[in-house]
PDB file of N, CA and C in Angstrom:
ATOM      1  N   MET A   1     129.778 101.518 139.801  1.00  0.00           N
ATOM      2  CA  MET A   1     130.518 100.620 139.927  1.00  0.00           C
ATOM      3  C   MET A   1     131.771 100.231 139.908  1.00  0.00           C
ATOM      4  N   ARG A   2     131.928 100.685 138.544  1.00  0.00           N
ATOM      5  CA  ARG A   2     133.152 101.127 138.032  1.00  0.00           C
ATOM      6  C   ARG A   2     134.440 101.387 138.155  1.00  0.00           C
ATOM      7  N   ARG A   3     133.470 102.621 139.209  1.00  0.00           N
ATOM      8  CA  ARG A   3     134.355 104.107 138.925  1.00  0.00           C
ATOM      9  C   ARG A   3     135.352 103.306 140.115  1.00  0.00           C
ATOM     10  N   TRP A   4     133.775 102.670 141.366  1.00  0.00           N
ATOM     11  CA  TRP A   4     134.705 101.747 142.918  1.00  0.00           C
ATOM     12  C   TRP A   4     135.176 100.882 142.723  1.00  0.00           C
ATOM     13  N   LEU A   5     135.507 100.012 141.777  1.00  0.00           N
ATOM     14  CA  LEU A   5     136.635  98.570 141.246  1.00  0.00           C
ATOM     15  C   LEU A   5     137.743  99.606 140.637  1.00  0.00           C
ATOM     16  N   VAL A   6     137.775 100.816 140.397  1.00  0.00           N
ATOM     17  CA  VAL A   6     139.622 101.665 140.007  1.00  0.00           C
ATOM     18  C   VAL A   6     139.233 101.999 141.138  1.00  0.00           C
ATOM     19  N   ARG A   7     138.706 102.859 141.999  1.00  0.00           N
ATOM     20  CA  ARG A   7     138.855 103.002 143.124  1.00  0.00           C
ATOM     21  C   ARG A   7     139.265 102.772 144.707  1.00  0.00           C
ATOM     22  N   VAL A   8     138.442 101.780 144.718  1.00  0.00           N
ATOM     23  CA  VAL A   8     138.961 100.712 146.126  1.00  0.00           C
ATOM     24  C   VAL A   8     140.122 100.613 146.496  1.00  0.00           C
ATOM     25  N   THR A   9     140.292 100.651 147.339  1.00  0.00           N
ATOM     26  CA  THR A   9     141.876 101.132 148.641  1.00  0.00           C
ATOM     27  C   THR A   9     142.000  99.293 148.958  1.00  0.00           C
ATOM     28  N   THR A  10     143.430  99.346 149.070  1.00  0.00           N
ATOM     29  CA  THR A  10     144.352  97.772 149.396  1.00  0.00           C
ATOM     30  C   THR A  10     143.417  97.532 151.003  1.00  0.00           C
ATOM     31  N   ALA A  11     143.608  98.651 152.034  1.00  0.00           N
ATOM     32  CA  ALA A  11     142.484  98.797 153.017  1.00  0.00           C
ATOM     33  C   ALA A  11     141.331  97.987 153.065  1.00  0.00           C
ATOM     34  N   HIS A  12     140.786  98.415 152.672  1.00  0.00           N
ATOM     35  CA  HIS A  12     139.217  99.108 152.516  1.00  0.00           C
ATOM     36  C   HIS A  12     138.940  97.655 152.018  1.00  0.00           C
ATOM     37  N   VAL A  13     140.112  96.804 150.910  1.00  0.00           N
ATOM     38  CA  VAL A  13     139.594  95.239 151.020  1.00  0.00           C
ATOM     39  C   VAL A  13     140.194  94.905 151.600  1.00  0.00           C
ATOM     40  N   GLN A  14     141.083  94.428 152.936  1.00  0.00           N
ATOM     41  CA  GLN A  14     141.329  93.380 153.316  1.00  0.00           C
ATOM     42  C   GLN A  14     140.795  93.772 154.587  1.00  0.00           C
ATOM     43  N   TRP A  15     139.932  95.404 154.698  1.00  0.00           N
ATOM     44  CA  TRP A  15     138.959  94.767 156.281  1.00  0.00           C
ATOM     45  C   TRP A  15     137.253  94.798 156.163  1.00  0.00           C
ATOM     46  N   MET A  16     137.095  94.787 154.749  1.00  0.00           N
ATOM     47  CA  MET A  16     135.704  94.033 154.329  1.00  0.00           C
ATOM     48  C   MET A  16     136.242  92.146 154.321  1.00  0.00           C
ATOM     49  N   TYR A  17     137.494  92.046 153.917  1.00  0.00           N
ATOM     50  CA  TYR A  17     137.761  90.352 153.933  1.00  0.00           C
ATOM     51  C   TYR A  17     137.219  90.439 155.602  1.00  0.00           C
ATOM     52  N   HIS A  18     138.209  91.067 156.350  1.00  0.00           N
ATOM     53  CA  HIS A  18     138.530  90.698 157.847  1.00  0.00           C
ATOM     54  C   HIS A  18     136.879  91.043 158.423  1.00  0.00           C
ATOM     55  N   ARG A  19     136.159  91.369 158.054  1.00  0.00           N
ATOM     56  CA  ARG A  19     134.265  91.898 158.458  1.00  0.00           C
ATOM     57  C   ARG A  19     133.710  90.499 157.918  1.00  0.00           C
ATOM     58  N   GLY A  20     133.963  89.390 156.683  1.00  0.00           N
ATOM     59  CA  GLY A  20     133.426  88.850 157.041  1.00  0.00           C
ATOM     60  C   GLY A  20     134.396  87.549 156.812  1.00  0.00           C
ATOM     61  N   VAL A  21     135.742  87.491 157.885  1.00  0.00           N
ATOM     62  CA  VAL A  21     135.610  86.469 158.043  1.00  0.00           C
ATOM     63  C   VAL A  21     135.182  86.461 159.307  1.00  0.00           C
ATOM     64  N   HIS A  22     135.121  87.244 160.268  1.00  0.00           N
ATOM     65  CA  HIS A  22     134.679  87.120 161.583  1.00  0.00           C
ATOM     66  C   HIS A  22     133.329  87.104 161.717  1.00  0.00           C
ATOM     67  N   ARG A  23     132.114  87.290 160.826  1.00  0.00           N
ATOM     68  CA  ARG A  23     131.312  86.078 161.042  1.00  0.00           C
ATOM     69  C   ARG A  23     130.725  85.184 160.805  1.00  0.00           C
ATOM     70  N   LEU A  24     131.562  84.788 159.449  1.00  0.00           N
ATOM     71  CA  LEU A  24     131.300  83.100 158.859  1.00  0.00           C
ATOM     72  C   LEU A  24     132.414  82.336 159.734  1.00  0.00           C
ATOM     73  N   VAL A  25     133.015  82.916 160.853  1.00  0.00           N
ATOM     74  CA  VAL A  25     133.162  81.781 161.816  1.00  0.00           C
ATOM     75  C   VAL A  25     132.255  81.795 163.211  1.00  0.00           C
ATOM     76  N   GLN A  26     132.123  83.185 163.064  1.00  0.00           N
ATOM     77  CA  GLN A  26     130.607  82.647 164.056  1.00  0.00           C
ATOM     78  C   GLN A  26     129.639  82.261 163.794  1.00  0.00           C
ATOM     79  N   VAL A  27     129.245  81.982 162.089  1.00  0.00           N
ATOM     80  CA  VAL A  27     128.585  81.528 162.081  1.00  0.00           C
ATOM     81  C   VAL A  27     128.712  79.914 161.460  1.00  0.00           C
ATOM     82  N   ALA A  28     129.608  79.807 160.950  1.00  0.00           N
ATOM     83  CA  ALA A  28     130.513  78.531 160.196  1.00  0.00           C
ATOM     84  C   ALA A  28     131.557  78.197 159.927  1.00  0.00           C
ATOM     85  N   PRO A  29     132.132  77.865 160.627  1.00  0.00           N
ATOM     86  CA  PRO A  29     133.636  78.276 161.239  1.00  0.00           C
ATOM     87  C   PRO A  29     134.399  77.017 160.376  1.00  0.00           C
ATOM     88  N   GLU A  30     133.483  76.165 160.208  1.00  0.00           N
ATOM     89  CA  GLU A  30     133.994  74.770 159.508  1.00  0.00           C
ATOM     90  C   GLU A  30     134.151  74.677 157.521  1.00  0.00           C
ATOM     91  N   VAL A  31     133.063  76.004 157.201  1.00  0.00           N
ATOM     92  CA  VAL A  31     133.090  75.899 156.133  1.00  0.00           C
ATOM     93  C   VAL A  31     133.854  77.197 155.546  1.00  0.00           C
ATOM     94  N   PHE A  32     135.311  77.885 156.158  1.00  0.00           N
ATOM     95  CA  PHE A  32     136.006  78.599 155.675  1.00  0.00           C
ATOM     96  C   PHE A  32     136.888  77.358 155.862  1.00  0.00           C
ATOM     97  N   THR A  33     137.297  76.556 156.153  1.00  0.00           N
ATOM     98  CA  THR A  33     138.549  75.810 155.282  1.00  0.00           C
ATOM     99  C   THR A  33     137.895  75.490 153.444  1.00  0.00           C
ATOM    100  N   GLU A  34     136.806  75.266 153.308  1.00  0.00           N
ATOM    101  CA  GLU A  34     135.983  74.587 152.288  1.00  0.00           C
ATOM    102  C   GLU A  34     136.436  75.731 151.132  1.00  0.00           C
ATOM    103  N   LEU A  35     136.295  77.295 151.778  1.00  0.00           N
ATOM    104  CA  LEU A  35     136.339  78.661 150.700  1.00  0.00           C
ATOM    105  C   LEU A  35     138.035  78.429 149.781  1.00  0.00           C
ATOM    106  N   ARG A  36     137.965  78.162 148.285  1.00  0.00           N
ATOM    107  CA  ARG A  36     139.229  78.620 147.422  1.00  0.00           C
ATOM    108  C   ARG A  36     138.841  80.080 147.786  1.00  0.00           C
ATOM    109  N   LEU A  37     140.366  80.766 148.172  1.00  0.00           N
ATOM    110  CA  LEU A  37     140.808  81.931 148.461  1.00  0.00           C
ATOM    111  C   LEU A  37     142.210  82.255 147.965  1.00  0.00           C
ATOM    112  N   GLY A  38     142.734  83.344 147.374  1.00  0.00           N
ATOM    113  CA  GLY A  38     143.633  83.779 147.102  1.00  0.00           C
ATOM    114  C   GLY A  38     144.387  84.231 145.766  1.00  0.00           C
ATOM    115  N   ALA A  39     143.133  83.847 144.890  1.00  0.00           N
ATOM    116  CA  ALA A  39     143.368  84.667 142.938  1.00  0.00           C
ATOM    117  C   ALA A  39     143.345  85.910 143.314  1.00  0.00           C
ATOM    118  N   ASN A  40     142.450  86.369 143.961  1.00  0.00           N
ATOM    119  CA  ASN A  40     142.205  88.230 143.605  1.00  0.00           C
ATOM    120  C   ASN A  40     141.465  88.348 145.608  1.00  0.00           C
ATOM    121  N   PRO A  41     142.168  89.425 145.433  1.00  0.00           N
ATOM    122  CA  PRO A  41     141.870  89.802 147.531  1.00  0.00           C
ATOM    123  C   PRO A  41     140.444  90.566 147.238  1.00  0.00           C
ATOM    124  N   LEU A  42     139.728  92.017 146.120  1.00  0.00           N
ATOM    125  CA  LEU A  42     138.170  91.954 145.803  1.00  0.00           C
ATOM    126  C   LEU A  42     137.128  90.931 146.063  1.00  0.00           C
ATOM    127  N   ARG A  43     137.774  89.774 145.350  1.00  0.00           N
ATOM    128  CA  ARG A  43     137.029  88.477 145.147  1.00  0.00           C
ATOM    129  C   ARG A  43     137.249  87.906 146.471  1.00  0.00           C
ATOM    130  N   ASP A  44     138.107  87.131 146.912  1.00  0.00           N
ATOM    131  CA  ASP A  44     138.095  87.057 147.944  1.00  0.00           C
ATOM    132  C   ASP A  44     137.048  87.395 149.217  1.00  0.00           C
ATOM    133  N   ALA A  45     137.475  88.978 149.238  1.00  0.00           N
ATOM    134  CA  ALA A  45     136.471  89.844 150.097  1.00  0.00           C
ATOM    135  C   ALA A  45     135.197  89.247 149.435  1.00  0.00           C
ATOM    136  N   LEU A  46     133.929  89.629 148.700  1.00  0.00           N
ATOM    137  CA  LEU A  46     132.922  89.159 148.278  1.00  0.00           C
ATOM    138  C   LEU A  46     132.567  87.866 148.668  1.00  0.00           C
ATOM    139  N   SER A  47     133.339  87.099 148.736  1.00  0.00           N
ATOM    140  CA  SER A  47     132.617  85.958 148.660  1.00  0.00           C
ATOM    141  C   SER A  47     133.276  85.428 150.041  1.00  0.00           C
ATOM    142  N   VAL A  48     133.814  85.472 151.035  1.00  0.00           N
ATOM    143  CA  VAL A  48     133.954  85.654 152.419  1.00  0.00           C
ATOM    144  C   VAL A  48     132.620  86.100 152.562  1.00  0.00           C
ATOM    145  N   LEU A  49     131.961  87.185 152.438  1.00  0.00           N
ATOM    146  CA  LEU A  49     130.799  88.142 153.061  1.00  0.00           C
ATOM    147  C   LEU A  49     129.505  87.179 152.179  1.00  0.00           C
ATOM    148  N   ALA A  50     130.015  86.893 151.380  1.00  0.00           N
ATOM    149  CA  ALA A  50     128.794  85.671 150.839  1.00  0.00           C
ATOM    150  C   ALA A  50     127.959  84.914 151.555  1.00  0.00           C
ATOM    151  N   ALA A  51     129.335  84.067 151.568  1.00  0.00           N
ATOM    152  CA  ALA A  51     129.572  82.833 152.376  1.00  0.00           C
ATOM    153  C   ALA A  51     128.837  83.188 154.159  1.00  0.00           C
ATOM    154  N   ALA A  52     129.524  83.793 154.314  1.00  0.00           N
ATOM    155  CA  ALA A  52     128.671  84.327 155.532  1.00  0.00           C
ATOM    156  C   ALA A  52     126.916  84.800 155.722  1.00  0.00           C
ATOM    157  N   ALA A  53     126.811  85.781 154.492  1.00  0.00           N
ATOM    158  CA  ALA A  53     125.508  85.838 153.851  1.00  0.00           C
ATOM    159  C   ALA A  53     124.274  84.897 154.503  1.00  0.00           C
ATOM    160  N   TYR A  54     125.269  83.364 153.529  1.00  0.00           N
ATOM    161  CA  TYR A  54     124.743  83.179 152.821  1.00  0.00           C
ATOM    162  C   TYR A  54     124.398  81.767 154.050  1.00  0.00           C
ATOM    163  N   TRP A  55     125.513  81.483 154.945  1.00  0.00           N
ATOM    164  CA  TRP A  55     125.099  80.982 155.794  1.00  0.00           C
ATOM    165  C   TRP A  55     124.365  81.504 157.406  1.00  0.00           C
ATOM    166  N   ASP A  56     124.302  82.499 157.411  1.00  0.00           N
ATOM    167  CA  ASP A  56     123.251  82.948 158.254  1.00  0.00           C
ATOM    168  C   ASP A  56     121.832  82.855 158.362  1.00  0.00           C
ATOM    169  N   ARG A  57     121.668  82.448 156.685  1.00  0.00           N
ATOM    170  CA  ARG A  57     120.381  82.523 155.850  1.00  0.00           C
ATOM    171  C   ARG A  57     120.167  81.280 156.261  1.00  0.00           C
ATOM    172  N   HIS A  58     121.105  79.637 155.986  1.00  0.00           N
ATOM    173  CA  HIS A  58     120.566  78.968 156.096  1.00  0.00           C
ATOM    174  C   HIS A  58     120.999  78.610 157.650  1.00  0.00           C
ATOM    175  N   ARG A  59     121.384  78.759 158.747  1.00  0.00           N
ATOM    176  CA  ARG A  59     121.316  77.991 160.060  1.00  0.00           C
ATOM    177  C   ARG A  59     120.472  79.374 160.571  1.00  0.00           C
ATOM    178  N   PHE A  60     119.871  80.211 160.328  1.00  0.00           N
ATOM    179  CA  PHE A  60     119.411  80.956 161.217  1.00  0.00           C
ATOM    180  C   PHE A  60     117.908  81.582 161.264  1.00  0.00           C
ATOM    181  N   GLY A  61     117.463  80.924 159.539  1.00  0.00           N
ATOM    182  CA  GLY A  61     116.192  81.517 159.206  1.00  0.00           C
ATOM    183  C   GLY A  61     116.162  82.871 158.794  1.00  0.00           C
ATOM    184  N   PHE A  62     117.056  83.567 158.808  1.00  0.00           N
ATOM    185  CA  PHE A  62     117.065  85.146 158.047  1.00  0.00           C
ATOM    186  C   PHE A  62     116.166  84.902 156.573  1.00  0.00           C
ATOM    187  N   THR A  63     115.531  85.971 157.123  1.00  0.00           N
ATOM    188  CA  THR A  63     115.207  86.440 155.237  1.00  0.00           C
ATOM    189  C   THR A  63     115.895  87.077 154.465  1.00  0.00           C
ATOM    190  N   ASP A  64     116.521  87.818 155.557  1.00  0.00           N
ATOM    191  CA  ASP A  64     116.887  89.325 154.211  1.00  0.00           C
ATOM    192  C   ASP A  64     117.252  88.972 153.367  1.00  0.00           C
ATOM    193  N   PRO A  65     117.253  89.687 152.287  1.00  0.00           N
ATOM    194  CA  PRO A  65     118.391  89.230 151.328  1.00  0.00           C
ATOM    195  C   PRO A  65     119.378  89.279 151.857  1.00  0.00           C
ATOM    196  N   PRO A  66     120.716  88.571 150.722  1.00  0.00           N
ATOM    197  CA  PRO A  66     122.358  89.200 150.945  1.00  0.00           C
ATOM    198  C   PRO A  66     123.096  90.375 150.711  1.00  0.00           C
ATOM    199  N   TRP A  67     122.587  90.756 150.110  1.00  0.00           N
ATOM    200  CA  TRP A  67     123.280  91.471 150.573  1.00  0.00           C
ATOM    201  C   TRP A  67     122.301  92.828 151.294  1.00  0.00           C
ATOM    202  N   THR A  68     121.467  92.376 152.274  1.00  0.00           N
ATOM    203  CA  THR A  68     120.910  93.094 153.254  1.00  0.00           C
ATOM    204  C   THR A  68     122.254  92.947 154.447  1.00  0.00           C
ATOM    205  N   LEU A  69     122.402  91.853 154.673  1.00  0.00           N
ATOM    206  CA  LEU A  69     123.139  91.024 155.466  1.00  0.00           C
ATOM    207  C   LEU A  69     124.553  91.644 154.926  1.00  0.00           C
ATOM    208  N   ILE A  70     125.012  91.832 154.613  1.00  0.00           N
ATOM    209  CA  ILE A  70     126.723  91.903 153.837  1.00  0.00           C
ATOM    210  C   ILE A  70     126.528  93.644 154.398  1.00  0.00           C
ATOM    211  N   GLY A  71     125.235  94.456 153.771  1.00  0.00           N
ATOM    212  CA  GLY A  71     125.877  95.115 154.696  1.00  0.00           C
ATOM    213  C   GLY A  71     125.504  95.717 155.921  1.00  0.00           C
ATOM    214  N   THR A  72     124.548  94.766 156.852  1.00  0.00           N
ATOM    215  CA  THR A  72     125.130  94.950 158.490  1.00  0.00           C
ATOM    216  C   THR A  72     126.506  94.375 158.257  1.00  0.00           C
ATOM    217  N   TYR A  73     126.763  93.405 158.171  1.00  0.00           N
ATOM    218  CA  TYR A  73     128.687  93.213 158.460  1.00  0.00           C
ATOM    219  C   TYR A  73     129.770  93.932 158.207  1.00  0.00           C
ATOM    220  N   THR A  74     129.193  94.671 157.233  1.00  0.00           N
ATOM    221  CA  THR A  74     130.090  95.804 156.967  1.00  0.00           C
ATOM    222  C   THR A  74     129.229  97.376 157.467  1.00  0.00           C
ATOM    223  N   ARG A  75     128.364  97.069 158.276  1.00  0.00           N
ATOM    224  CA  ARG A  75     127.773  97.994 158.938  1.00  0.00           C
ATOM    225  C   ARG A  75     127.855  99.826 157.930  1.00  0.00           C
ATOM    226  N   GLY A  76     127.667  98.907 156.768  1.00  0.00           N
ATOM    227  CA  GLY A  76     126.766 100.046 155.775  1.00  0.00           C
ATOM    228  C   GLY A  76     128.114 100.840 155.116  1.00  0.00           C
ATOM    229  N   ARG A  77     129.617 100.025 154.706  1.00  0.00           N
ATOM    230  CA  ARG A  77     130.727 100.535 154.440  1.00  0.00           C
ATOM    231  C   ARG A  77     130.593  99.514 153.100  1.00  0.00           C
ATOM    232  N   LEU A  78     130.255  99.226 152.832  1.00  0.00           N
ATOM    233  CA  LEU A  78     130.456  97.917 151.885  1.00  0.00           C
ATOM    234  C   LEU A  78     130.735  99.239 150.212  1.00  0.00           C
ATOM    235  N   LEU A  79     130.620 100.084 149.888  1.00  0.00           N
ATOM    236  CA  LEU A  79     131.441 100.713 149.024  1.00  0.00           C
ATOM    237  C   LEU A  79     132.095 102.312 149.189  1.00  0.00           C
ATOM    238  N   SER A  80     132.270 101.895 150.436  1.00  0.00           N
ATOM    239  CA  SER A  80     133.295 103.201 150.572  1.00  0.00           C
ATOM    240  C   SER A  80     133.562 103.084 152.326  1.00  0.00           C
ATOM    241  N   PRO A  81     135.142 103.256 152.345  1.00  0.00           N
ATOM    242  CA  PRO A  81     135.791 103.261 153.132  1.00  0.00           C
ATOM    243  C   PRO A  81     135.605 103.920 154.185  1.00  0.00           C
ATOM    244  N   PRO A  82     135.862 102.480 155.687  1.00  0.00           N
ATOM    245  CA  PRO A  82     135.156 102.732 157.158  1.00  0.00           C
ATOM    246  C   PRO A  82     136.372 104.196 157.124  1.00  0.00           C
ATOM    247  N   GLY A  83     135.021 105.052 158.424  1.00  0.00           N
ATOM    248  CA  GLY A  83     135.322 106.507 158.701  1.00  0.00           C
ATOM    249  C   GLY A  83     135.393 105.828 159.758  1.00  0.00           C
TER     250      GLY A  83
END
């Protein structure tokens, strides 16, 4: 994980952020404005993905673990850039 944190690219962080935003807006658009974003792009991307997973579980009763849902949103590419 530490190596990934050092090597993660800005483009990949932006891609993860957009994947999270896309899902969160579908599931709970009103929540997006409540998130405190802006300090750190990687933290922001992971926060949006986590919020989307939380609201998917909350609104639709999904029982999948949050990381499973996040893996679905990122097409299994959370730790590796999309190719």
